[in-house]
Protein backbone atom coordinates (compact mmCIF):
# COMPACT_ATOMS: atom_id res chain seq x y z
CA MET A 1 -27.05 11.73 -12.91
CA ASN A 2 -25.78 8.99 -10.59
CA ARG A 3 -22.93 6.90 -11.95
CA LYS A 4 -22.43 3.45 -10.55
CA GLY A 5 -19.17 3.25 -8.62
CA LEU A 6 -16.36 0.88 -9.51
CA ASP A 7 -16.43 -2.41 -7.60
CA LEU A 8 -13.01 -2.22 -5.96
CA SER A 9 -13.13 -5.93 -5.08
CA THR A 10 -12.60 -6.65 -8.80
CA ILE A 11 -9.19 -4.94 -8.70
CA THR A 12 -6.42 -7.55 -8.71
CA GLU A 13 -3.50 -5.13 -8.25
CA ARG A 14 -2.12 -4.97 -4.72
CA ILE A 15 -1.74 -1.78 -2.69
CA LEU A 16 1.26 -0.86 -0.56
CA LEU A 17 0.42 1.06 2.65
CA VAL A 18 3.24 3.11 4.21
CA ASP A 19 3.02 4.92 7.57
CA ASP A 20 5.21 5.02 10.68
CA ASP A 21 2.12 5.27 12.95
CA GLU A 22 0.93 1.71 13.69
CA ASN A 23 -2.59 2.92 14.51
CA VAL A 24 -2.95 4.77 11.20
CA LEU A 25 -1.48 1.79 9.33
CA TYR A 26 -3.98 -0.54 11.05
CA LEU A 27 -6.88 1.77 10.19
CA LEU A 28 -5.76 2.11 6.54
CA ASN A 29 -5.44 -1.64 6.16
CA HIS A 30 -8.88 -2.17 7.73
CA GLN A 31 -10.49 0.33 5.36
CA VAL A 32 -8.91 -0.83 2.08
CA THR A 33 -9.56 -4.50 2.85
CA ALA A 34 -13.17 -3.58 3.60
CA PHE A 35 -13.35 -2.34 0.01
CA GLY A 36 -12.16 -5.77 -1.17
CA LEU A 37 -8.60 -4.68 -1.98
CA GLN A 38 -5.42 -6.58 -1.07
CA ALA A 39 -2.69 -4.67 0.75
CA ASP A 40 0.82 -4.99 2.19
CA GLN A 41 2.24 -2.73 4.90
CA ALA A 42 5.51 -0.89 5.51
CA CYS A 43 6.48 1.27 8.50
CA ASN A 44 8.75 3.65 6.57
CA GLY A 45 10.12 4.47 3.13
CA LYS A 46 13.03 2.01 3.34
CA GLU A 47 10.70 -0.91 4.07
CA ALA A 48 8.50 0.22 1.20
CA VAL A 49 11.45 0.27 -1.23
CA ALA A 50 12.30 -3.32 -0.29
CA LEU A 51 8.71 -4.46 -0.91
CA LEU A 52 8.57 -2.60 -4.23
CA GLN A 53 11.64 -4.52 -5.35
CA ALA A 54 10.06 -7.84 -4.41
CA TYR A 55 6.44 -7.41 -5.50
CA GLN A 56 4.28 -5.58 -8.02
CA TYR A 57 1.86 -2.89 -6.89
CA GLY A 58 -0.67 -0.73 -8.64
CA LEU A 59 -0.89 1.90 -5.91
CA VAL A 60 1.19 3.17 -2.98
CA ILE A 61 -0.62 5.01 -0.18
CA THR A 62 1.99 6.80 1.89
CA ASP A 63 2.30 9.20 4.76
CA ILE A 64 4.64 12.15 4.19
CA VAL A 65 6.40 12.73 7.53
CA MET A 66 8.27 9.54 8.47
CA PRO A 67 11.71 8.71 9.92
CA GLU A 68 14.63 7.25 7.92
CA MET A 69 13.05 7.91 4.50
CA ASP A 70 10.12 10.29 4.36
CA GLY A 71 7.15 10.21 1.99
CA MET A 72 8.57 12.78 -0.43
CA GLU A 73 11.72 10.74 -0.90
CA LEU A 74 9.58 7.63 -1.41
CA ILE A 75 7.40 9.38 -4.01
CA LEU A 76 10.47 10.46 -5.96
CA HIS A 77 11.90 6.93 -5.78
CA VAL A 78 8.67 5.34 -6.98
CA LYS A 79 8.25 7.72 -9.93
CA GLU A 80 11.88 7.16 -10.98
CA HIS A 81 11.90 3.36 -10.75
CA TYR A 82 8.20 2.39 -11.05
CA PRO A 83 6.55 5.17 -13.10
CA GLN A 84 3.48 3.01 -13.78
CA VAL A 85 2.62 2.90 -10.06
CA ASP A 86 0.15 5.50 -8.77
CA ILE A 87 0.66 7.27 -5.42
CA LEU A 88 -1.92 8.57 -2.96
CA ALA A 89 -0.22 10.85 -0.42
CA ILE A 90 -1.58 11.28 3.11
CA SER A 91 -0.55 14.30 5.11
CA GLY A 92 -1.67 16.40 8.03
CA HIS A 93 -1.96 20.18 8.16
CA ASN A 94 1.02 22.39 9.02
CA GLU A 95 3.57 20.04 7.46
CA LEU A 96 6.75 20.92 5.59
CA TYR A 97 5.35 20.14 2.13
CA ASN A 98 2.15 21.54 0.64
CA PHE A 99 -0.22 20.00 -1.90
CA THR A 100 1.63 21.58 -4.85
CA ASP A 101 4.97 20.15 -3.71
CA ILE A 102 3.55 16.65 -3.31
CA VAL A 103 1.83 16.57 -6.71
CA ALA A 104 4.90 18.08 -8.39
CA ALA A 105 6.96 15.21 -6.96
CA GLY A 106 4.69 12.73 -8.76
CA ALA A 107 1.79 11.90 -6.46
CA THR A 108 -1.45 11.04 -8.27
CA ASP A 109 -3.67 12.47 -5.55
CA PHE A 110 -3.65 13.80 -1.98
CA ILE A 111 -5.82 13.22 1.08
CA SER A 112 -5.61 15.12 4.37
CA LYS A 113 -5.68 13.74 7.90
CA PRO A 114 -8.06 13.00 9.39
CA PHE A 115 -10.13 11.48 6.53
CA ARG A 116 -13.40 9.56 6.42
CA GLN A 117 -13.80 6.15 4.84
CA ASP A 118 -16.06 7.55 2.10
CA GLU A 119 -13.35 10.11 1.21
CA LEU A 120 -10.77 7.36 0.84
CA ASN A 121 -13.23 5.31 -1.20
CA ALA A 122 -13.78 8.25 -3.58
CA LYS A 123 -10.03 8.73 -4.06
CA LEU A 124 -9.49 5.01 -4.73
CA GLN A 125 -12.44 4.93 -7.12
CA ARG A 126 -10.95 7.74 -9.20
CA ILE A 127 -7.40 6.35 -9.19
CA PHE A 128 -8.38 2.82 -10.22
CA ARG A 129 -10.95 4.00 -12.76
CA GLU A 130 -8.22 6.05 -14.44
CA ARG A 131 -5.79 3.10 -14.25
CA LEU A 132 -8.31 0.87 -16.02
CA LEU A 133 -8.90 3.55 -18.64
CA ARG A 134 -5.15 3.93 -19.27
CA ALA A 135 -4.78 0.16 -19.58
CA GLU A 136 -7.62 0.04 -22.10
CA LEU A 137 -6.10 2.88 -24.11
CA ALA A 138 -2.73 1.12 -24.07
CA ARG A 139 -4.34 -2.10 -25.35
CA ASN A 140 -6.15 -0.19 -28.10
CA LYS A 141 -2.92 1.55 -29.08
CA GLU A 142 -1.07 -1.78 -29.21
CA GLN A 143 -3.79 -3.29 -31.40
CA GLU A 144 -3.69 -0.24 -33.66
CA LYS A 145 0.10 -0.57 -33.97
CA ILE A 146 -0.12 -4.29 -34.78
CA PHE A 147 -2.86 -3.65 -37.37
CA PHE A 148 -0.77 -0.88 -38.95
CA LEU A 149 2.31 -3.13 -39.16
CA HIS A 150 0.27 -5.96 -40.68
CA ILE A 151 -1.02 -3.64 -43.39
CA VAL A 152 2.45 -2.31 -44.20
CA GLU A 153 3.94 -5.82 -44.15
CA SER A 154 1.22 -7.02 -46.53
CA LEU A 155 1.99 -4.10 -48.85
CA ALA A 156 5.71 -4.98 -48.78
CA ILE A 157 5.02 -8.63 -49.64
CA SER A 158 2.59 -7.60 -52.40
CA LEU A 159 5.27 -5.34 -53.87
CA ASP A 160 7.65 -8.32 -54.00
CA GLU A 161 5.20 -10.78 -55.46
CA LYS A 162 3.89 -8.72 -58.37
CA ASP A 163 7.16 -9.30 -60.26
CA LYS A 164 8.56 -12.83 -60.69
CA TYR A 165 12.09 -11.43 -60.79
CA THR A 166 11.84 -9.79 -57.38
CA HIS A 167 9.48 -12.44 -55.97
CA GLY A 168 10.49 -13.24 -52.39
CA HIS A 169 13.32 -10.68 -52.27
CA SER A 170 12.32 -9.20 -48.91
CA LYS A 171 11.82 -12.64 -47.37
CA ARG A 172 15.24 -13.80 -48.60
CA VAL A 173 16.88 -10.64 -47.29
CA THR A 174 15.12 -11.21 -43.96
CA ASN A 175 16.34 -14.83 -43.75
CA LEU A 176 19.91 -13.83 -44.59
CA SER A 177 19.83 -10.90 -42.15
CA LEU A 178 18.67 -13.15 -39.32
CA GLN A 179 21.41 -15.69 -40.11
CA LEU A 180 24.03 -12.96 -40.19
CA ALA A 181 22.81 -11.59 -36.85
CA GLU A 182 23.06 -15.09 -35.33
CA HIS A 183 26.69 -15.40 -36.45
CA ALA A 184 27.72 -11.82 -35.58
CA THR A 185 28.53 -11.17 -31.92
CA GLU A 186 29.47 -7.48 -31.96
CA GLU A 187 26.11 -6.33 -30.61
CA ASP A 188 22.97 -7.79 -29.07
CA VAL A 189 20.18 -7.95 -31.65
CA ASP A 190 16.41 -7.77 -31.28
CA PHE A 191 15.60 -10.52 -33.79
CA GLU A 192 11.89 -9.71 -34.09
CA LEU A 193 12.76 -6.09 -34.81
CA LEU A 194 15.30 -7.23 -37.42
CA ARG A 195 12.70 -9.51 -39.00
CA LEU A 196 10.29 -6.61 -39.42
CA CYS A 197 13.04 -4.37 -40.79
CA GLY A 198 14.01 -7.04 -43.32
CA VAL A 199 10.47 -7.55 -44.56
CA LEU A 200 9.82 -3.80 -44.76
CA HIS A 201 13.20 -2.54 -45.96
CA ASP A 202 11.98 -1.84 -49.53
CA ILE A 203 8.45 -0.68 -48.64
CA GLY A 204 9.33 2.77 -50.00
CA LYS A 205 9.43 1.31 -53.54
CA ILE A 206 5.65 1.49 -53.49
CA GLY A 207 6.22 5.13 -54.44
CA VAL A 208 8.47 4.26 -57.40
CA PRO A 209 6.68 4.00 -60.80
CA ASP A 210 6.38 0.45 -62.21
CA ASN A 211 8.04 1.44 -65.48
CA ILE A 212 11.21 2.27 -63.51
CA LEU A 213 11.09 -0.75 -61.18
CA GLY A 214 10.59 -3.16 -64.09
CA LYS A 215 12.88 -1.52 -66.60
CA THR A 216 15.06 -4.08 -68.39
CA GLY A 217 17.73 -1.65 -69.57
CA LYS A 218 20.08 0.74 -67.85
CA LEU A 219 18.42 3.41 -65.71
CA THR A 220 18.83 7.07 -66.62
CA VAL A 221 20.29 9.49 -64.08
CA GLU A 222 16.77 10.78 -63.36
CA GLU A 223 15.35 7.25 -62.94
CA PHE A 224 18.14 6.23 -60.60
CA ALA A 225 17.52 9.41 -58.56
CA THR A 226 13.89 8.30 -58.23
CA ILE A 227 14.94 4.81 -57.08
CA LYS A 228 17.28 6.35 -54.48
CA LYS A 229 14.32 8.03 -52.79
CA HIS A 230 12.81 4.72 -51.64
CA PRO A 231 14.60 4.57 -48.22
CA GLU A 232 13.22 8.01 -47.31
CA GLN A 233 9.81 7.11 -48.70
CA GLY A 234 9.79 3.93 -46.62
CA ALA A 235 10.49 5.92 -43.47
CA GLN A 236 7.76 8.37 -44.48
CA ILE A 237 5.20 5.53 -44.72
CA LEU A 238 5.90 4.58 -41.09
CA ARG A 239 5.91 8.17 -39.82
CA PRO A 240 2.24 8.23 -38.66
CA MET A 241 3.13 5.63 -36.00
CA GLU A 242 6.62 6.82 -35.05
CA SER A 243 5.44 7.76 -31.58
CA ASP A 244 5.84 4.03 -30.90
CA ARG A 245 9.45 3.28 -30.00
CA ARG A 246 9.73 0.09 -32.08
CA ILE A 247 8.16 1.57 -35.19
CA ALA A 248 10.47 4.58 -34.88
CA ALA A 249 13.41 2.14 -34.74
CA ILE A 250 12.15 0.28 -37.85
CA SER A 251 11.75 3.59 -39.67
CA LYS A 252 15.33 4.57 -38.86
CA VAL A 253 16.73 1.22 -40.04
CA ILE A 254 14.77 1.41 -43.30
CA ARG A 255 15.92 4.97 -43.95
CA HIS A 256 19.59 4.02 -43.68
CA HIS A 257 19.82 0.59 -45.34
CA HIS A 258 21.52 2.12 -48.41
CA GLU A 259 24.17 4.03 -46.50
CA ARG A 260 27.77 2.94 -47.08
CA TYR A 261 30.38 2.26 -44.45
CA ASP A 262 32.66 4.86 -46.09
CA GLY A 263 29.96 7.55 -45.97
CA LYS A 264 29.26 7.59 -49.73
CA GLY A 265 25.77 6.09 -49.50
CA TYR A 266 22.33 7.68 -49.31
CA PRO A 267 20.16 9.39 -48.18
CA ASP A 268 22.26 11.02 -45.41
CA GLY A 269 25.85 10.02 -46.11
CA LEU A 270 26.30 8.39 -42.71
CA LYS A 271 29.44 6.36 -42.20
CA GLY A 272 30.81 3.65 -39.93
CA ASN A 273 29.02 3.26 -36.61
CA GLU A 274 26.81 6.28 -37.39
CA ILE A 275 24.76 3.83 -39.47
CA PRO A 276 22.31 1.80 -37.34
CA TYR A 277 23.63 -1.72 -36.74
CA LEU A 278 20.52 -3.40 -38.18
CA SER A 279 20.82 -1.23 -41.30
CA ARG A 280 24.40 -2.45 -41.75
CA ILE A 281 23.22 -6.07 -41.45
CA ILE A 282 20.47 -5.57 -44.04
CA THR A 283 22.90 -3.80 -46.41
CA VAL A 284 25.01 -6.97 -46.65
CA ALA A 285 22.04 -9.31 -47.04
CA ASP A 286 20.29 -7.01 -49.53
CA SER A 287 23.38 -6.66 -51.71
CA TYR A 288 24.05 -10.41 -51.70
CA ASP A 289 20.48 -11.23 -52.73
CA ALA A 290 20.54 -8.58 -55.46
CA MET A 291 23.77 -10.05 -56.87
CA THR A 292 22.66 -13.69 -56.79
CA SER A 293 19.10 -13.15 -58.08
CA ASP A 294 18.19 -13.21 -61.76
CA ARG A 295 16.99 -10.00 -63.35
CA PRO A 296 15.43 -9.39 -66.78
CA TYR A 297 18.71 -7.86 -67.97
CA ARG A 298 21.21 -10.33 -66.41
CA LYS A 299 21.67 -13.72 -64.80
CA GLY A 300 22.37 -13.91 -61.08
CA MET A 301 25.96 -14.35 -59.90
CA ALA A 302 27.30 -17.60 -58.53
CA ILE A 303 27.56 -17.61 -54.73
CA ALA A 304 31.37 -17.58 -54.78
CA ASN A 305 31.43 -14.54 -57.08
CA ALA A 306 28.94 -12.64 -54.94
CA LEU A 307 30.98 -13.34 -51.81
CA ALA A 308 34.10 -12.13 -53.62
CA GLU A 309 32.30 -8.84 -54.34
CA ILE A 310 31.36 -8.46 -50.69
CA GLN A 311 34.99 -9.09 -49.74
CA LYS A 312 36.14 -6.54 -52.32
CA HIS A 313 33.88 -3.84 -50.88
CA SER A 314 34.39 -4.70 -47.21
CA GLY A 315 35.24 -1.51 -45.34
CA SER A 316 33.93 0.70 -48.14
CA GLN A 317 30.35 -0.35 -48.83
CA PHE A 318 30.02 -2.90 -46.02
CA ASP A 319 30.82 -3.02 -42.31
CA PRO A 320 34.07 -5.08 -42.39
CA LEU A 321 33.19 -7.27 -39.39
CA LEU A 322 29.73 -8.05 -40.75
CA ALA A 323 31.15 -8.73 -44.21
CA GLU A 324 33.70 -11.13 -42.68
CA ASN A 325 31.00 -12.94 -40.68
CA PHE A 326 28.70 -13.19 -43.69
CA ILE A 327 31.42 -14.58 -45.96
CA SER A 328 32.51 -17.02 -43.25
CA PHE A 329 29.15 -18.69 -42.78
CA MET A 330 28.10 -18.49 -46.44
CA GLU A 331 31.32 -20.13 -47.67
CA LYS A 332 30.35 -23.23 -45.74
CA TYR A 333 27.39 -23.66 -48.07
CA ILE A 334 29.22 -23.35 -51.42
CA ASP A 335 30.45 -26.94 -51.48
CA SER A 336 27.95 -28.31 -49.00
CA THR A 337 25.72 -31.32 -49.55
CA PRO A 338 22.42 -30.44 -51.28
CA CYS A 339 19.20 -30.55 -49.29
CA PRO A 340 18.38 -34.18 -48.45
CA SER A 341 14.77 -33.54 -49.52
CA LEU A 342 15.65 -32.02 -52.90
CA ALA A 343 14.82 -35.08 -55.01
CA THR A 344 11.38 -35.50 -53.46
CA CYS A 345 10.45 -31.86 -52.77
CA SER A 346 6.91 -31.38 -54.05
CA LEU A 347 7.57 -27.68 -54.59
CA PHE A 348 9.72 -28.21 -57.68
CA GLN A 349 7.43 -30.85 -59.07
CA LYS A 350 4.72 -28.20 -58.90
CA VAL A 351 6.71 -25.29 -60.25
CA GLY A 352 8.34 -27.26 -63.05
CA GLN A 353 10.65 -25.30 -65.33
CA ASN A 354 9.57 -21.93 -63.99
CA ILE A 355 12.51 -19.57 -63.30
CA LEU A 356 11.57 -19.71 -59.61
CA SER A 357 12.85 -23.28 -59.40
CA GLU A 358 16.27 -22.32 -60.75
CA THR A 359 16.59 -19.33 -58.40
CA TYR A 360 15.61 -21.20 -55.28
CA GLU A 361 17.55 -24.33 -56.15
CA MET A 362 20.75 -22.28 -56.41
CA GLN A 363 20.17 -20.14 -53.29
CA TYR A 364 18.69 -22.77 -50.99
CA CYS A 365 18.51 -26.37 -52.16
CA ARG A 366 22.11 -26.75 -53.27
CA SER A 367 23.65 -24.31 -50.83
CA ASN A 368 21.99 -22.76 -47.79
CA TYR A 369 19.15 -25.26 -47.38
CA GLN A 370 19.10 -24.89 -43.59
CA ALA A 371 17.60 -21.43 -44.10
CA CYS A 372 14.76 -22.85 -46.21
CA ALA A 373 11.33 -22.27 -44.69
CA ARG A 374 10.23 -25.70 -45.98
CA TYR A 375 13.25 -27.48 -44.51
CA LYS A 376 12.53 -26.00 -41.08
CA ILE A 377 9.10 -27.69 -41.08
CA ARG A 378 10.43 -31.22 -40.62
CA ALA A 379 7.03 -32.95 -40.70
CA LYS A 380 6.14 -33.21 -44.41
CA GLU A 381 2.41 -33.34 -43.73
CA LYS A 382 2.64 -29.90 -42.06
CA ARG A 383 4.38 -28.14 -44.98
CA PRO A 384 2.02 -25.95 -47.01
CA LYS A 385 2.20 -27.15 -50.63
CA ASP A 386 2.74 -23.64 -52.00
CA LEU A 387 5.33 -22.53 -49.42
CA LEU A 388 8.55 -21.25 -50.99
CA PRO A 389 12.01 -21.52 -49.36
CA ASP A 390 12.05 -17.83 -48.43
CA GLY A 391 8.77 -18.11 -46.52
CA SER A 392 6.52 -16.61 -49.19
CA PHE A 393 4.02 -18.52 -51.32
CA ILE A 394 3.71 -19.34 -55.01
CA SER A 395 1.72 -16.63 -56.72
CA LYS A 396 -1.79 -17.74 -57.63
CA GLN A 397 -1.73 -15.56 -60.73
């Protein structure tokens, strides 16, 4: 069965041609441009390295025996610094390196001198067909990863919103974590990664029975042991996609967000800098939100009291530098001016006397209103009517 060949003129990636023989270089350039491809030329490996630093290429076609920097050295350089670039090696018979050596160094394919134009065309067809296939697979994998994360994120938000007492917890923890990361300067932070970790940090509670999550009294030893499994269960949920570097990082952060700085946390008893930095950030934000939020069995703490608890446990439960940074920026909000839009905010007119209004008014409107999702949308006509300060929405139930 005849298969239609790839139209090489549709390829937008440039080719780099490398050969110390001007006649061979001229012939190569003539042939590849005849196929509709765009090419640059270099007379040796050193010239090729300079061009690789300046421009992007999909393929390098290189001779092997060259002065200054030979083709084998160039192949090794390309695979170390530009692993996504394919290499077609050209070599004559009776040379120092054989086919096995050249492929082992990282060449995609090999063509012997002298070669016909149809041979070169066949090699280029195969290389670019495989490049297009890899690109398509990479796109599909990225879409699969995004779809997976959207599902898990939706599950995490659903877990929050089914209980009015935990409603918006993950979003509030995320907001606080991002603020803390902005004020902390100890390490560079990937803010999108931190956002995902904040939203998903309690995803493992999906595996905890509702009668334990919603219990109004003190937990038994057995029930608390069940609750303590949620960091591991959260990491387990993400495990099918851990081949992706970012998802593996999220999984690690989730697993360790209940570790303590003194090593007395769970599940692995890590301590100090053994605990991932983003986990240490979320630990502070998570604890603060837990202390200041109302629960069926107790009223939430005042901001000042919660900050005093964080100070008390700095260096034991919390990273001392992060605790100091968190207290520093949160103290500014204790006696700050309430949100200028508080009196006219349609949200509280809608919610009325619901407990949500009391919780959010304390945590956002009269303190940290600059973190409010509604406040950040300055144009009133663009604010969704049901948008809550933590970025979630009023439950329709």
